[in-house]
Amino acid sequence: MDLNDHHRQGISVIYAENVVIRHCKIHGTKGTAPEAGIDFEPNFNEEPILNNLVEDCHIYDNAGFGIDFALPFNSIKPVSITIKDSRIENNGKGELEFIPRGDKTGPLCGFIDIINCQMKTTKGRPLTFTGLRNGCTAITFRNCLFDARGVKVTPIYFNSEYPEDVAGVNFGDTVMLFDPSKPLVDLTNIGMAAFQAPWGKLTLRHNGKDTVYDFTADADAHPGLPAMKKYKARFSSKEVNVRGLVPAESIKGENGGPVAVRGKVSFLQYAEPGIPVNLNFHVVWARNPGGDMAVEILDPDGKRVASTRAVCPDGTVSIDAKKAGVYRVTLNTGGRSVAVTSDAPGLGYCADQGGLPTFRSNHTLYFEVPAGLTEVFLELCTDNGEGMAVELRNERGEVVADTGFFQTLNYFCVERKPTQEPVLWSIRQYKVVEDNCVRLGAPMEPIFYASPADWLKR
């Protein structure tokens, strides 16, 4: 089969078991990103990719990667993909991109095997690895040849937004045609993670001479930040206990404005019987802003009281409280960026499921620092190739730390003099590119506020 001049992908594999792609030419894909020859990319964790085989294919001259393994979900079943006896060459962004990162709940398990394949790169990078970490999908090369003589950038690129070690690659007996006097590996964007040397052997062949590349120097230069592993235990995916939360007395402060979120998110809203509260959903960015969003509302006891839909690009959902307390509102924006506002105080942005995901949103977020706490800890991360800068302010509005612009992963760990009462601190995100996520370390409750007037206290 000859697949030529497709505009988004040569082939998209979203949810597939026992699929075989054999004897295909896939080329000329160009028009709408990702523009890959083959893109393995489920939309949800309920869509596993199992026992898929690509064999005896020629994948070339596509605008994106030759093959993109875009696996950003922790699938309900381990992934299993084999690429065998194929040629992958001259693709615009490079030949192979691996993104088996899973999600905040844990890495994606399984394997991706590249067997007896030949890759030739004249544009982009031969190999890109994103979000690899201990326990993630095992990526193994067997009897593979890379021709990287025409590469104008570092051939192998690793990046990560996680604190866990970057690991999981086995080069087997791979050969790469490349000058060993030039830089081979780019690790500048692995954030705070340590780099574990890949298994197997990567031989660099140049002018008839073979040199086995030693990853030891790379591992020694990137030992990671032990503090990140120490603080990992502070993060939990346990839902916030909303019982006892009530709006604080009138608090003055800068209103950070509506925060644009993207993905599966939850909000907390205080409501009382007889006083309906309207939540307004406004799509601020989307390739296709149409289509409703499913919304679920839980009462203060955790009982579902409504399942409805918010109309896009502008919709309203009302909370008609039967009892006073904090209601949890959950929605999945999909690929859209949505700003949520309320006509009543007591609106909190929940960050208890891996953090608060925002998109293209330069804003100020407030959070509670408990009485007696001596150390404030936050994790800050961005998606691959994107970035932001964040400053941390204390209860007096004084800047106590600033990351400057960064990509992938960063954190704040700031000592403070404990107070007798809880106080509000804040972060200001600026120079935001696109997707990012922030989360609070225990014992701070994982709730952010766009305004001090929305503070929910126990």
Protein backbone atom coordinates (compact mmCIF):
# COMPACT_ATOMS: atom_id res chain seq x y z
CA MET A 1 0.00 0.00 0.00
CA ASP A 2 1.29 3.47 -0.94
CA LEU A 3 0.13 6.19 1.50
CA ASN A 4 1.14 9.56 0.08
CA ASP A 5 0.23 13.21 0.68
CA HIS A 6 -1.90 12.73 3.79
CA HIS A 7 -2.37 16.00 5.63
CA ARG A 8 -2.35 15.02 9.34
CA GLN A 9 -0.81 11.54 9.63
CA GLY A 10 0.14 8.79 7.29
CA ILE A 11 -1.51 6.40 9.76
CA SER A 12 -2.98 7.20 13.20
CA VAL A 13 -3.13 4.31 15.67
CA ILE A 14 -5.39 5.31 18.56
CA TYR A 15 -6.92 2.18 20.09
CA ALA A 16 -5.71 -1.05 18.57
CA GLU A 17 -5.03 -4.69 19.43
CA ASN A 18 -3.25 -7.19 17.16
CA VAL A 19 -2.81 -4.66 14.34
CA VAL A 20 -0.28 -5.41 11.58
CA ILE A 21 1.00 -2.72 9.19
CA ARG A 22 3.06 -4.49 6.55
CA HIS A 23 4.59 -3.73 3.13
CA CYS A 24 3.59 -0.04 3.18
CA LYS A 25 5.17 3.09 1.75
CA ILE A 26 4.23 6.06 3.94
CA HIS A 27 5.48 9.42 2.70
CA GLY A 28 4.62 13.03 1.93
CA THR A 29 2.50 13.65 5.05
CA LYS A 30 2.17 17.43 5.48
CA GLY A 31 -0.50 19.91 6.53
CA THR A 32 -1.63 19.62 10.16
CA ALA A 33 0.59 18.59 13.08
CA PRO A 34 1.89 16.07 14.08
CA GLU A 35 2.39 15.16 10.36
CA ALA A 36 4.02 11.82 11.24
CA GLY A 37 4.37 8.77 9.04
CA ILE A 38 2.77 6.69 11.82
CA ASP A 39 1.48 8.19 15.05
CA PHE A 40 0.68 5.84 17.95
CA GLU A 41 -1.44 8.15 20.11
CA PRO A 42 -4.43 7.09 22.24
CA ASN A 43 -6.87 9.75 23.40
CA PHE A 44 -7.66 8.18 26.78
CA ASN A 45 -6.12 5.64 29.16
CA GLU A 46 -9.01 3.28 28.30
CA GLU A 47 -7.56 2.96 24.78
CA PRO A 48 -4.63 0.50 24.99
CA ILE A 49 -2.27 -0.27 22.11
CA LEU A 50 -1.49 -3.98 22.33
CA ASN A 51 0.53 -6.34 20.15
CA ASN A 52 0.96 -3.92 17.23
CA LEU A 53 3.46 -4.78 14.48
CA VAL A 54 4.94 -2.57 11.77
CA GLU A 55 6.95 -4.73 9.34
CA ASP A 56 8.76 -4.22 6.05
CA CYS A 57 7.66 -0.59 5.64
CA HIS A 58 9.37 2.41 4.07
CA ILE A 59 8.55 5.61 5.96
CA TYR A 60 10.10 8.73 4.48
CA ASP A 61 9.75 12.41 3.54
CA ASN A 62 7.04 13.18 6.10
CA ALA A 63 6.97 16.66 7.64
CA GLY A 64 6.89 15.37 11.23
CA PHE A 65 8.60 12.32 12.70
CA GLY A 66 8.80 9.05 10.83
CA ILE A 67 7.15 7.26 13.76
CA ASP A 68 5.76 9.08 16.79
CA PHE A 69 5.05 7.06 19.94
CA ALA A 70 2.92 9.70 21.70
CA LEU A 71 1.68 7.84 24.77
CA PRO A 72 0.77 10.46 27.42
CA PHE A 73 -1.64 8.26 29.39
CA ASN A 74 -1.17 5.53 31.96
CA SER A 75 -2.99 2.90 29.91
CA ILE A 76 -5.19 0.28 31.55
CA LYS A 77 -2.96 -2.32 29.83
CA PRO A 78 0.80 -2.26 29.09
CA VAL A 79 1.71 -1.04 25.62
CA SER A 80 3.35 -3.49 23.18
CA ILE A 81 4.66 -2.30 19.80
CA THR A 82 7.24 -3.86 17.46
CA ILE A 83 8.82 -2.09 14.47
CA LYS A 84 10.67 -4.62 12.31
CA ASP A 85 12.63 -4.82 9.04
CA SER A 86 11.74 -1.25 8.05
CA ARG A 87 13.46 1.83 6.60
CA ILE A 88 12.73 5.21 8.17
CA GLU A 89 14.47 8.18 6.58
CA ASN A 90 14.51 11.85 5.64
CA ASN A 91 11.57 12.88 7.85
CA GLY A 92 11.24 16.56 8.74
CA LYS A 93 11.53 16.37 12.54
CA GLY A 94 13.55 13.17 12.66
CA GLU A 95 12.95 9.46 12.54
CA LEU A 96 11.70 8.26 15.94
CA GLU A 97 10.08 10.14 18.83
CA PHE A 98 9.29 8.23 22.03
CA ILE A 99 6.89 9.78 24.57
CA PRO A 100 5.91 6.85 26.83
CA ARG A 101 5.55 9.04 29.89
CA GLY A 102 2.19 7.89 31.23
CA ASP A 103 0.80 10.56 33.56
CA LYS A 104 1.16 12.02 37.04
CA THR A 105 -0.17 8.81 38.60
CA GLY A 106 2.75 6.80 37.25
CA PRO A 107 4.72 5.74 34.17
CA LEU A 108 3.29 3.79 31.26
CA CYS A 109 4.44 0.16 31.35
CA GLY A 110 5.11 -2.20 28.45
CA PHE A 111 7.63 -2.35 25.60
CA ILE A 112 8.56 -0.85 22.23
CA ASP A 113 11.00 -2.95 20.19
CA ILE A 114 12.85 -1.64 17.12
CA ILE A 115 14.32 -4.66 15.30
CA ASN A 116 16.53 -4.83 12.22
CA CYS A 117 15.63 -1.32 11.04
CA GLN A 118 17.62 1.27 9.13
CA MET A 119 17.25 4.99 9.79
CA LYS A 120 18.80 7.83 7.82
CA THR A 121 18.46 11.41 9.04
CA THR A 122 19.03 14.53 6.95
CA LYS A 123 16.63 16.77 8.92
CA GLY A 124 15.78 16.97 12.60
CA ARG A 125 17.09 14.32 15.03
CA PRO A 126 17.34 10.55 14.64
CA LEU A 127 16.09 9.94 18.22
CA THR A 128 13.98 11.98 20.66
CA PHE A 129 13.02 10.62 24.11
CA THR A 130 10.47 12.47 26.24
CA GLY A 131 9.33 11.68 29.77
CA LEU A 132 11.29 8.46 30.27
CA ARG A 133 11.48 7.40 33.92
CA ASN A 134 12.16 4.37 36.09
CA GLY A 135 9.59 1.66 35.48
CA CYS A 136 8.34 3.15 32.21
CA THR A 137 8.01 1.46 28.83
CA ALA A 138 11.17 -0.47 27.91
CA ILE A 139 12.58 0.78 24.58
CA THR A 140 14.90 -1.75 22.95
CA PHE A 141 16.90 -1.62 19.70
CA ARG A 142 18.16 -4.81 18.07
CA ASN A 143 20.44 -4.91 15.05
CA CYS A 144 19.61 -1.34 14.02
CA LEU A 145 21.61 1.10 11.90
CA PHE A 146 21.35 4.90 12.08
CA ASP A 147 22.95 7.11 9.45
CA ALA A 148 23.37 10.47 11.21
CA ARG A 149 26.11 11.89 9.00
CA GLY A 150 23.80 14.59 7.68
CA VAL A 151 22.46 15.67 11.08
CA LYS A 152 22.91 19.35 11.93
CA VAL A 153 21.87 19.06 15.60
CA THR A 154 22.74 16.69 18.45
CA PRO A 155 21.44 13.29 17.24
CA ILE A 156 19.98 11.98 20.53
CA TYR A 157 17.76 14.20 22.68
CA PHE A 158 16.35 13.41 26.13
CA ASN A 159 13.91 15.62 28.05
CA SER A 160 11.67 15.09 31.07
CA GLU A 161 9.30 16.93 33.38
CA TYR A 162 9.46 14.28 36.11
CA PRO A 163 11.74 13.98 39.16
CA GLU A 164 12.31 10.26 38.59
CA ASP A 165 15.49 9.05 36.87
CA VAL A 166 15.51 9.18 33.07
CA ALA A 167 15.79 5.49 32.20
CA GLY A 168 14.44 2.62 30.11
CA VAL A 169 16.54 2.56 26.90
CA ASN A 170 18.50 -0.46 25.67
CA PHE A 171 20.58 0.14 22.54
CA GLY A 172 21.36 -3.57 22.14
CA ASP A 173 23.92 -3.69 19.35
CA THR A 174 23.03 -0.47 17.54
CA VAL A 175 25.41 1.17 15.07
CA MET A 176 25.29 4.89 14.24
CA LEU A 177 27.25 6.46 11.39
CA PHE A 178 28.46 9.60 13.15
CA ASP A 179 31.66 11.46 13.97
CA PRO A 180 32.51 10.64 17.64
CA SER A 181 34.31 13.96 18.05
CA LYS A 182 30.95 15.76 17.86
CA PRO A 183 28.34 15.98 20.68
CA LEU A 184 26.02 12.99 20.54
CA VAL A 185 23.56 13.42 23.44
CA ASP A 186 21.54 16.48 24.54
CA LEU A 187 20.41 16.32 28.19
CA THR A 188 19.86 20.02 28.81
CA ASN A 189 16.11 19.63 29.38
CA ILE A 190 15.83 16.70 31.77
CA GLY A 191 15.13 19.16 34.59
CA MET A 192 15.91 17.87 38.08
CA ALA A 193 16.01 14.19 37.07
CA ALA A 194 19.06 11.95 37.10
CA PHE A 195 20.19 10.28 33.87
CA GLN A 196 20.75 6.53 33.91
CA ALA A 197 23.13 5.28 31.24
CA PRO A 198 21.27 3.16 28.66
CA TRP A 199 21.92 -0.57 28.49
CA GLY A 200 23.46 -2.30 25.52
CA LYS A 201 26.05 -0.96 23.12
CA LEU A 202 25.90 2.05 20.79
CA THR A 203 28.77 1.96 18.30
CA LEU A 204 29.74 5.13 16.42
CA ARG A 205 31.23 4.33 13.01
CA HIS A 206 33.30 7.01 11.28
CA ASN A 207 35.89 6.70 8.48
CA GLY A 208 35.99 2.93 8.87
CA LYS A 209 36.66 3.09 12.63
CA ASP A 210 34.27 1.89 15.34
CA THR A 211 34.02 3.61 18.73
CA VAL A 212 31.67 2.37 21.46
CA TYR A 213 30.01 5.38 23.06
CA ASP A 214 30.33 5.53 26.85
CA PHE A 215 27.28 7.10 28.51
CA THR A 216 29.03 7.15 31.91
CA ALA A 217 30.16 10.76 31.54
CA ASP A 218 26.59 11.83 30.73
CA ALA A 219 25.25 10.01 33.79
CA ASP A 220 27.95 11.51 36.02
CA ALA A 221 27.15 15.01 34.74
CA HIS A 222 23.45 14.59 35.50
CA PRO A 223 23.11 12.99 38.94
CA GLY A 224 19.73 14.61 39.53
CA LEU A 225 18.55 16.42 42.60
CA PRO A 226 18.15 14.12 45.62
CA ALA A 227 15.77 16.65 47.18
CA MET A 228 13.23 15.93 44.44
CA LYS A 229 13.09 12.27 45.40
CA LYS A 230 12.89 13.21 49.05
CA TYR A 231 9.95 15.49 48.42
CA LYS A 232 8.14 13.13 46.05
CA ALA A 233 6.50 11.51 49.09
CA ARG A 234 4.78 14.82 49.79
CA PHE A 235 2.54 14.48 46.76
CA SER A 236 -0.67 12.50 46.92
CA SER A 237 -3.57 11.82 44.56
CA LYS A 238 -6.01 11.57 47.46
CA GLU A 239 -9.02 13.80 46.93
CA VAL A 240 -9.40 16.88 49.08
CA ASN A 241 -11.74 16.38 52.03
CA VAL A 242 -14.20 19.25 51.50
CA ARG A 243 -16.00 18.84 54.80
CA GLY A 244 -15.45 21.80 57.07
CA LEU A 245 -14.32 24.15 54.30
CA VAL A 246 -16.10 27.53 54.33
CA PRO A 247 -15.33 30.90 52.74
CA ALA A 248 -12.91 32.98 54.77
CA GLU A 249 -13.90 36.39 55.98
CA SER A 250 -13.45 39.19 53.47
CA ILE A 251 -9.82 39.12 52.37
CA LYS A 252 -8.34 41.87 50.23
CA GLY A 253 -5.77 41.26 47.53
CA GLU A 254 -5.09 41.27 43.83
CA ASN A 255 -7.59 39.31 41.74
CA GLY A 256 -5.54 37.07 39.49
CA GLY A 257 -8.38 36.82 36.97
CA PRO A 258 -9.86 33.64 35.49
CA VAL A 259 -7.36 30.84 35.03
CA ALA A 260 -7.34 28.99 31.71
CA VAL A 261 -7.22 25.23 32.37
CA ARG A 262 -6.92 22.30 29.98
CA GLY A 263 -7.57 18.59 30.45
CA LYS A 264 -9.38 16.81 33.26
CA VAL A 265 -9.87 19.30 36.07
CA SER A 266 -11.94 19.76 39.22
CA PHE A 267 -13.20 22.87 40.97
CA LEU A 268 -14.52 23.45 44.46
CA GLN A 269 -17.43 25.83 44.97
CA TYR A 270 -19.15 26.80 48.21
CA ALA A 271 -22.95 26.99 47.98
CA GLU A 272 -25.93 27.32 50.30
CA PRO A 273 -29.58 26.23 49.94
CA GLY A 274 -31.83 28.74 48.22
CA ILE A 275 -28.95 30.63 46.59
CA PRO A 276 -28.11 29.15 43.16
CA VAL A 277 -24.48 29.52 42.10
CA ASN A 278 -23.64 29.86 38.41
CA LEU A 279 -20.34 28.58 37.04
CA ASN A 280 -19.47 30.08 33.67
CA PHE A 281 -17.28 28.16 31.20
CA HIS A 282 -15.60 30.12 28.42
CA VAL A 283 -13.36 28.51 25.77
CA VAL A 284 -10.37 30.81 25.37
CA TRP A 285 -8.47 28.60 22.91
CA ALA A 286 -9.26 25.57 20.77
CA ARG A 287 -8.65 24.30 17.30
CA ASN A 288 -12.36 23.46 17.29
CA PRO A 289 -14.26 25.28 20.09
CA GLY A 290 -17.56 23.52 19.38
CA GLY A 291 -18.97 20.52 21.20
CA ASP A 292 -20.29 20.30 24.73
CA MET A 293 -18.24 19.37 27.80
CA ALA A 294 -19.47 16.79 30.30
CA VAL A 295 -19.74 18.20 33.83
CA GLU A 296 -20.26 16.22 37.03
CA ILE A 297 -21.23 17.76 40.38
CA LEU A 298 -20.70 16.09 43.76
CA ASP A 299 -22.25 17.38 46.97
CA PRO A 300 -20.31 17.97 50.24
CA ASP A 301 -20.80 14.27 51.13
CA GLY A 302 -19.30 13.12 47.81
CA LYS A 303 -22.66 12.08 46.36
CA ARG A 304 -23.24 12.84 42.69
CA VAL A 305 -26.11 15.28 42.42
CA ALA A 306 -25.85 16.25 38.74
CA SER A 307 -24.38 15.09 35.44
CA THR A 308 -24.87 17.72 32.80
CA ARG A 309 -23.13 19.38 29.87
CA ALA A 310 -21.72 22.85 29.37
CA VAL A 311 -22.33 24.31 25.93
CA CYS A 312 -19.21 25.54 24.13
CA PRO A 313 -17.72 28.03 23.53
CA ASP A 314 -19.73 29.73 26.32
CA GLY A 315 -21.84 27.82 28.79
CA THR A 316 -23.20 27.99 32.32
CA VAL A 317 -23.81 25.26 34.88
CA SER A 318 -25.79 26.01 38.05
CA ILE A 319 -25.36 24.51 41.49
CA ASP A 320 -28.73 24.33 43.27
CA ALA A 321 -27.54 23.38 46.75
CA LYS A 322 -29.67 21.20 48.99
CA LYS A 323 -27.23 21.61 51.86
CA ALA A 324 -24.56 24.16 52.71
CA GLY A 325 -20.98 23.21 51.93
CA VAL A 326 -18.36 22.81 49.24
CA TYR A 327 -19.37 21.09 45.99
CA ARG A 328 -16.87 19.41 43.68
CA VAL A 329 -17.31 20.10 39.96
CA THR A 330 -15.36 17.94 37.50
CA LEU A 331 -15.00 18.33 33.72
CA ASN A 332 -12.71 17.27 30.91
CA THR A 333 -11.97 20.11 28.51
CA GLY A 334 -10.30 17.80 25.99
CA GLY A 335 -7.90 19.83 23.86
CA ARG A 336 -9.64 23.10 24.68
CA SER A 337 -8.42 25.75 27.09
CA VAL A 338 -11.30 26.88 29.31
CA ALA A 339 -11.64 29.74 31.80
CA VAL A 340 -14.08 29.14 34.66
CA THR A 341 -15.64 31.92 36.73
CA SER A 342 -18.32 32.02 39.40
CA ASP A 343 -20.91 34.58 40.47
CA ALA A 344 -20.27 33.70 44.14
CA PRO A 345 -17.16 33.62 46.36
CA GLY A 346 -15.56 30.34 47.36
CA LEU A 347 -14.27 29.04 43.99
CA GLY A 348 -11.16 26.89 44.30
CA TYR A 349 -9.05 25.14 41.66
CA CYS A 350 -8.39 21.57 42.77
CA ALA A 351 -4.84 20.25 42.31
CA ASP A 352 -5.18 16.89 44.05
CA GLN A 353 -4.96 14.70 40.92
CA GLY A 354 -1.38 15.33 39.84
CA GLY A 355 -1.56 19.13 39.93
CA LEU A 356 -3.44 21.95 38.24
CA PRO A 357 -3.02 21.88 34.41
CA THR A 358 -3.19 25.31 32.77
CA PHE A 359 -2.64 26.51 29.22
CA ARG A 360 -1.23 29.80 27.88
CA SER A 361 -2.28 31.42 31.13
CA ASN A 362 -0.13 34.13 32.72
CA HIS A 363 -1.80 34.56 36.08
CA THR A 364 -1.52 34.75 39.86
CA LEU A 365 -2.63 31.80 41.97
CA TYR A 366 -3.14 31.92 45.73
CA PHE A 367 -2.81 29.02 48.16
CA GLU A 368 -3.01 28.44 51.88
CA VAL A 369 0.09 27.95 54.01
CA PRO A 370 -0.95 26.23 57.27
CA ALA A 371 -0.12 27.58 60.71
CA GLY A 372 3.17 26.26 62.02
CA LEU A 373 4.57 25.25 58.61
CA THR A 374 8.29 25.98 58.30
CA GLU A 375 8.83 25.03 54.64
CA VAL A 376 6.81 25.81 51.51
CA PHE A 377 7.25 23.32 48.67
CA LEU A 378 5.78 23.47 45.15
CA GLU A 379 6.49 21.48 41.98
CA LEU A 380 6.38 23.31 38.65
CA CYS A 381 6.52 21.61 35.27
CA THR A 382 5.92 22.34 31.61
CA ASP A 383 5.35 20.18 28.58
CA ASN A 384 8.19 19.18 26.28
CA GLY A 385 9.74 22.14 24.49
CA GLU A 386 7.56 24.64 26.30
CA GLY A 387 8.37 26.77 29.31
CA MET A 388 7.42 29.46 31.80
CA ALA A 389 8.77 31.54 34.69
CA VAL A 390 7.29 31.60 38.20
CA GLU A 391 7.79 33.86 41.17
CA LEU A 392 6.77 32.97 44.73
CA ARG A 393 5.32 35.61 47.07
CA ASN A 394 4.70 35.45 50.81
CA GLU A 395 1.63 36.70 52.70
CA ARG A 396 2.94 40.29 52.50
CA GLY A 397 3.25 40.09 48.71
CA GLU A 398 7.05 40.04 48.86
CA VAL A 399 8.88 37.99 46.23
CA VAL A 400 10.83 35.30 48.09
CA ALA A 401 11.92 33.21 45.07
CA ASP A 402 11.86 33.36 41.26
CA THR A 403 12.70 30.53 38.85
CA GLY A 404 13.36 32.70 35.82
CA PHE A 405 12.41 31.10 32.52
CA PHE A 406 12.76 27.30 32.53
CA GLN A 407 11.57 24.23 30.65
CA THR A 408 10.37 20.83 31.90
CA LEU A 409 10.73 20.69 35.72
CA ASN A 410 11.48 23.06 38.56
CA TYR A 411 10.47 23.55 42.15
CA PHE A 412 10.31 25.92 45.12
CA CYS A 413 11.51 24.86 48.54
CA VAL A 414 11.49 27.91 50.78
CA GLU A 415 11.91 28.10 54.52
CA ARG A 416 9.66 30.48 56.47
CA LYS A 417 9.06 31.60 60.01
CA PRO A 418 5.92 29.75 61.16
CA THR A 419 2.77 31.73 61.84
CA GLN A 420 0.10 31.08 64.44
CA GLU A 421 -2.68 31.28 61.85
CA PRO A 422 -2.88 30.05 58.23
CA VAL A 423 -1.95 32.67 55.63
CA LEU A 424 -2.20 33.07 51.86
CA TRP A 425 0.90 32.91 49.69
CA SER A 426 0.86 33.17 45.90
CA ILE A 427 2.70 32.32 42.71
CA ARG A 428 2.76 34.48 39.61
CA GLN A 429 3.29 32.61 36.35
CA TYR A 430 4.69 34.63 33.47
CA LYS A 431 6.40 34.07 30.12
CA VAL A 432 4.11 31.05 29.78
CA VAL A 433 4.37 29.26 26.43
CA GLU A 434 1.56 26.68 26.51
CA ASP A 435 0.89 23.69 28.79
CA ASN A 436 2.13 23.65 32.36
CA CYS A 437 1.19 22.17 35.70
CA VAL A 438 1.69 23.23 39.33
CA ARG A 439 1.13 21.30 42.53
CA LEU A 440 1.52 21.82 46.26
CA GLY A 441 3.42 19.58 48.66
CA ALA A 442 1.76 18.31 51.83
CA PRO A 443 0.72 19.36 54.40
CA MET A 444 -0.54 22.23 52.24
CA GLU A 445 -4.00 21.46 50.86
CA PRO A 446 -3.90 21.14 47.06
CA ILE A 447 -6.26 24.03 46.30
CA PHE A 448 -5.45 27.20 44.36
CA TYR A 449 -7.52 30.40 44.16
CA ALA A 450 -7.63 33.15 41.53
CA SER A 451 -8.54 35.68 44.22
CA PRO A 452 -8.00 35.95 47.99
CA ALA A 453 -11.76 36.51 48.29
CA ASP A 454 -12.30 32.88 47.25
CA TRP A 455 -10.19 31.38 50.08
CA LEU A 456 -11.81 28.31 51.65
CA LYS A 457 -10.73 27.74 55.25
CA ARG A 458 -11.45 25.02 57.78
